[in-house]
Amino acid sequence: MSIEDVRLFLEKSHKLLILCHSNADPDALGCAIAIRRSLDGKQAIISCDGISKPAKMMLEELGESIGPCPEGFSPDSILIVDTSSPELLGECKRYLDQNASICVIDHHSTTTFNAKAAYREARSSNCELVWDVIGHTDDIVSRKALLAGILADTGHLKFATRETLRTVYEILGEDIIFEEVFAMMKDDLDLSKKIALMKALQRMKVTRVGDFMIIKTKIGAYESFISKNLLAIGADVVVIVNEKKGERIIARAKRSALDRGVDLSKIMKEVGEAYGGDGGGHPPAAGMIGVENYKEATEEIMKRISGILRGH
């Protein structure tokens, strides 16, 4: 299946439901917004089981909003973006029970959706794939949404490839100031974030493997912010359990760990499935949900990461 299959799917859709993974990030919502705005005159609704704080910030800056799926809305088509399995949709998984055709645009290495059309390719961000699909557009909101998604998923371009940079150049055009997009993704350190960071530091456990450092901790919010700061203070890999979301575990890794062979996407997928849940993502950033015993699952993650860093 190809880009043309996806374009034909969207062209034939009249009532489209666009689904993102739970706790949707800027990459997922950037895709959804750009697709929705490209469908002139068609009914398209975006739905997701929760929105991350960076994504809320992006929506506010763009003047966009995402509401609950209206009661009684019966789509003829469902587009799923930046999501590799039904379990990652959270509560929105129930919409898959409707008699609607499914299309997937996803940059993850594996998928379990039974899709009529799909565009899947390994890229640094999902927004790059959506840019390929919708083609060039003069709509500034769509382009800023895609740029914000790319920035978020590439660590402000730290994990960007040459292809990513070419896409960014195309999207920018002559009428978008890149600094304004960076400003959309600002991460001000307010009191609640300070408290969350202090709690994460108090609860952290450090595992040293040779010259590598793995930090494990528990938090209740600000996953992205906390993981970024723990990497900044010296961790090569961070493993975080979100206690408020119960069964959600995320992990982040630096280039130093990736060069040693750590692939968090593979680890989280295998451990997630072994403990009755689901996981996946990318080598430097991945997560899992729905595990039956998150304590044992976390220890297994730590064990696997440590083994790889030791060279076993």
Foldseek 3Di string as FASTA:
>chain_A
DALVLVLVVLVPWAAEEEAEFAQDELLRVLLQVLSVVLNPPGHYAYDANHHAPLNVLLCVVLVHDHDHDDPPRATQEYEYEADAELQRRPPCSVNVPGNHAYEYQHAFPHHDDPHPYYHYHNALTSLLSSCVNSDDDPDLSSLLSSVLRSCVSCVNVVNHDPSNVVSNVRSCPDPHDVVVSVVSSDDDCDPVNVVQLVQFVVAWDWDDQPPAIEIEGEGQGDPVVNQVVVVVVPHQKYWYHRVNLPFKIKMFGDPVLVVLPQAVQVLQQVLQVVQPWGKGDTRGIIMIGDGPDNVVSSVSSVVVSSCSNNVD
